[in-house]
Amino acid sequence: MSLRYRGADYEPCQTGFNYFEEVIGTYRGAVVTRRVATNAPNQHIDGLTYRGAKVK
């Protein structure tokens, strides 16, 4: 599937994530959980710029 954002075409990253649900508490009697990825790849790309300034 090809996607486009502001005129730039790109392909989405289709990696399979392994995750587990962690119970973080309760809110008004309901259990609140969050998904924690165990094998998430590093999302940082070297050489990014924003309005001419290099992003770390």
N, C-alpha and C. Protein backbone atom coordinates (compact mmCIF):
# COMPACT_ATOMS: atom_id res chain seq x y z
N MET A 1 0.84 -1.16 0.00
CA MET A 1 0.00 0.00 0.00
C MET A 1 0.89 1.24 0.00
N SER A 2 0.64 2.15 -0.91
CA SER A 2 1.40 3.38 -1.02
C SER A 2 0.62 4.52 -0.38
N LEU A 3 1.30 5.31 0.43
CA LEU A 3 0.67 6.44 1.10
C LEU A 3 1.30 7.74 0.63
N ARG A 4 0.57 8.85 0.81
CA ARG A 4 1.07 10.16 0.39
C ARG A 4 0.74 11.17 1.47
N TYR A 5 1.72 11.99 1.83
CA TYR A 5 1.52 13.07 2.79
C TYR A 5 2.18 14.32 2.26
N ARG A 6 1.41 15.35 2.01
CA ARG A 6 1.88 16.64 1.50
C ARG A 6 2.74 16.47 0.25
N GLY A 7 2.31 15.60 -0.64
CA GLY A 7 2.99 15.41 -1.90
C GLY A 7 4.13 14.42 -1.89
N ALA A 8 4.49 13.89 -0.74
CA ALA A 8 5.59 12.92 -0.64
C ALA A 8 5.00 11.52 -0.53
N ASP A 9 5.42 10.63 -1.43
CA ASP A 9 4.97 9.24 -1.39
C ASP A 9 5.88 8.44 -0.45
N TYR A 10 5.29 7.50 0.27
CA TYR A 10 6.07 6.63 1.13
C TYR A 10 5.33 5.32 1.34
N GLU A 11 6.06 4.31 1.73
CA GLU A 11 5.52 3.00 2.06
C GLU A 11 5.50 2.85 3.58
N PRO A 12 4.39 2.41 4.15
CA PRO A 12 4.36 2.23 5.61
C PRO A 12 5.22 1.05 6.04
N CYS A 13 5.76 1.18 7.23
CA CYS A 13 6.59 0.12 7.81
C CYS A 13 5.66 -0.95 8.37
N GLN A 14 5.76 -2.17 7.87
CA GLN A 14 4.88 -3.26 8.27
C GLN A 14 5.64 -4.27 9.12
N THR A 15 6.09 -3.86 10.28
CA THR A 15 6.78 -4.78 11.17
C THR A 15 5.80 -5.35 12.18
N GLY A 16 6.00 -6.60 12.53
CA GLY A 16 5.15 -7.23 13.54
C GLY A 16 5.70 -6.95 14.92
N PHE A 17 4.89 -6.38 15.77
CA PHE A 17 5.32 -6.08 17.13
C PHE A 17 4.82 -7.14 18.08
N ASN A 18 5.68 -7.55 18.96
CA ASN A 18 5.27 -8.38 20.08
C ASN A 18 5.03 -7.45 21.25
N TYR A 19 3.90 -7.59 21.88
CA TYR A 19 3.60 -6.73 23.01
C TYR A 19 2.84 -7.52 24.07
N PHE A 20 2.84 -6.95 25.25
CA PHE A 20 2.06 -7.53 26.33
C PHE A 20 1.27 -6.41 27.00
N GLU A 21 0.18 -6.77 27.62
CA GLU A 21 -0.64 -5.78 28.30
C GLU A 21 -0.26 -5.73 29.77
N GLU A 22 -0.02 -4.53 30.24
CA GLU A 22 0.40 -4.30 31.61
C GLU A 22 -0.73 -3.57 32.34
N VAL A 23 -1.10 -4.06 33.50
CA VAL A 23 -2.13 -3.40 34.31
C VAL A 23 -1.46 -2.24 35.04
N ILE A 24 -1.99 -1.02 34.83
CA ILE A 24 -1.37 0.15 35.46
C ILE A 24 -2.24 0.74 36.57
N GLY A 25 -3.43 0.21 36.76
CA GLY A 25 -4.27 0.70 37.85
C GLY A 25 -5.74 0.52 37.57
N THR A 26 -6.53 1.24 38.35
CA THR A 26 -7.97 1.23 38.14
C THR A 26 -8.47 2.66 38.07
N TYR A 27 -9.54 2.86 37.33
CA TYR A 27 -10.18 4.17 37.22
C TYR A 27 -11.68 3.96 37.29
N ARG A 28 -12.29 4.50 38.32
CA ARG A 28 -13.73 4.37 38.55
C ARG A 28 -14.19 2.92 38.52
N GLY A 29 -13.38 2.05 39.08
CA GLY A 29 -13.74 0.65 39.19
C GLY A 29 -13.34 -0.22 38.01
N ALA A 30 -12.85 0.38 36.92
CA ALA A 30 -12.44 -0.39 35.74
C ALA A 30 -10.92 -0.54 35.74
N VAL A 31 -10.45 -1.69 35.31
CA VAL A 31 -9.02 -1.95 35.22
C VAL A 31 -8.45 -1.22 34.00
N VAL A 32 -7.35 -0.51 34.20
CA VAL A 32 -6.70 0.24 33.13
C VAL A 32 -5.42 -0.48 32.75
N THR A 33 -5.27 -0.78 31.45
CA THR A 33 -4.07 -1.46 30.96
C THR A 33 -3.42 -0.63 29.87
N ARG A 34 -2.16 -0.96 29.58
CA ARG A 34 -1.47 -0.36 28.44
C ARG A 34 -0.68 -1.44 27.74
N ARG A 35 -0.45 -1.25 26.45
CA ARG A 35 0.32 -2.20 25.67
C ARG A 35 1.77 -1.76 25.63
N VAL A 36 2.67 -2.69 25.96
CA VAL A 36 4.10 -2.41 25.98
C VAL A 36 4.76 -3.29 24.93
N ALA A 37 5.44 -2.66 23.97
CA ALA A 37 6.12 -3.41 22.91
C ALA A 37 7.43 -3.97 23.43
N THR A 38 7.72 -5.20 23.06
CA THR A 38 8.95 -5.84 23.52
C THR A 38 10.05 -5.80 22.46
N ASN A 39 9.70 -5.66 21.20
CA ASN A 39 10.72 -5.68 20.15
C ASN A 39 10.57 -4.50 19.19
N ALA A 40 10.24 -3.33 19.70
CA ALA A 40 10.05 -2.16 18.84
C ALA A 40 11.39 -1.69 18.29
N PRO A 41 11.47 -1.44 16.97
CA PRO A 41 12.72 -0.96 16.39
C PRO A 41 12.94 0.51 16.73
N ASN A 42 14.18 0.94 16.60
CA ASN A 42 14.52 2.33 16.83
C ASN A 42 13.92 3.18 15.73
N GLN A 43 13.13 4.19 16.07
CA GLN A 43 12.44 5.01 15.09
C GLN A 43 13.26 6.22 14.63
N HIS A 44 14.40 6.49 15.26
CA HIS A 44 15.18 7.68 14.94
C HIS A 44 15.95 7.50 13.63
N ILE A 45 15.87 8.52 12.77
CA ILE A 45 16.58 8.51 11.50
C ILE A 45 17.63 9.61 11.55
N ASP A 46 18.88 9.30 11.22
CA ASP A 46 19.94 10.30 11.22
C ASP A 46 19.76 11.27 10.07
N GLY A 47 20.08 12.53 10.29
CA GLY A 47 20.04 13.52 9.24
C GLY A 47 18.72 14.22 9.05
N LEU A 48 17.82 14.15 10.02
CA LEU A 48 16.54 14.85 9.89
C LEU A 48 16.74 16.35 10.08
N THR A 49 15.99 17.13 9.32
CA THR A 49 16.02 18.58 9.48
C THR A 49 14.59 19.09 9.61
N TYR A 50 14.43 20.15 10.38
CA TYR A 50 13.14 20.80 10.53
C TYR A 50 13.36 22.30 10.37
N ARG A 51 12.77 22.85 9.32
CA ARG A 51 12.92 24.27 8.99
C ARG A 51 14.38 24.68 8.92
N GLY A 52 15.19 23.81 8.34
CA GLY A 52 16.60 24.12 8.14
C GLY A 52 17.51 23.77 9.29
N ALA A 53 16.97 23.42 10.45
CA ALA A 53 17.78 23.08 11.61
C ALA A 53 17.87 21.57 11.74
N LYS A 54 19.06 21.08 12.06
CA LYS A 54 19.26 19.63 12.23
C LYS A 54 18.59 19.17 13.52
N VAL A 55 17.88 18.06 13.45
CA VAL A 55 17.19 17.48 14.61
C VAL A 55 18.06 16.35 15.15
N LYS A 56 18.22 16.31 16.47
CA LYS A 56 19.05 15.28 17.09
C LYS A 56 18.42 13.93 17.02
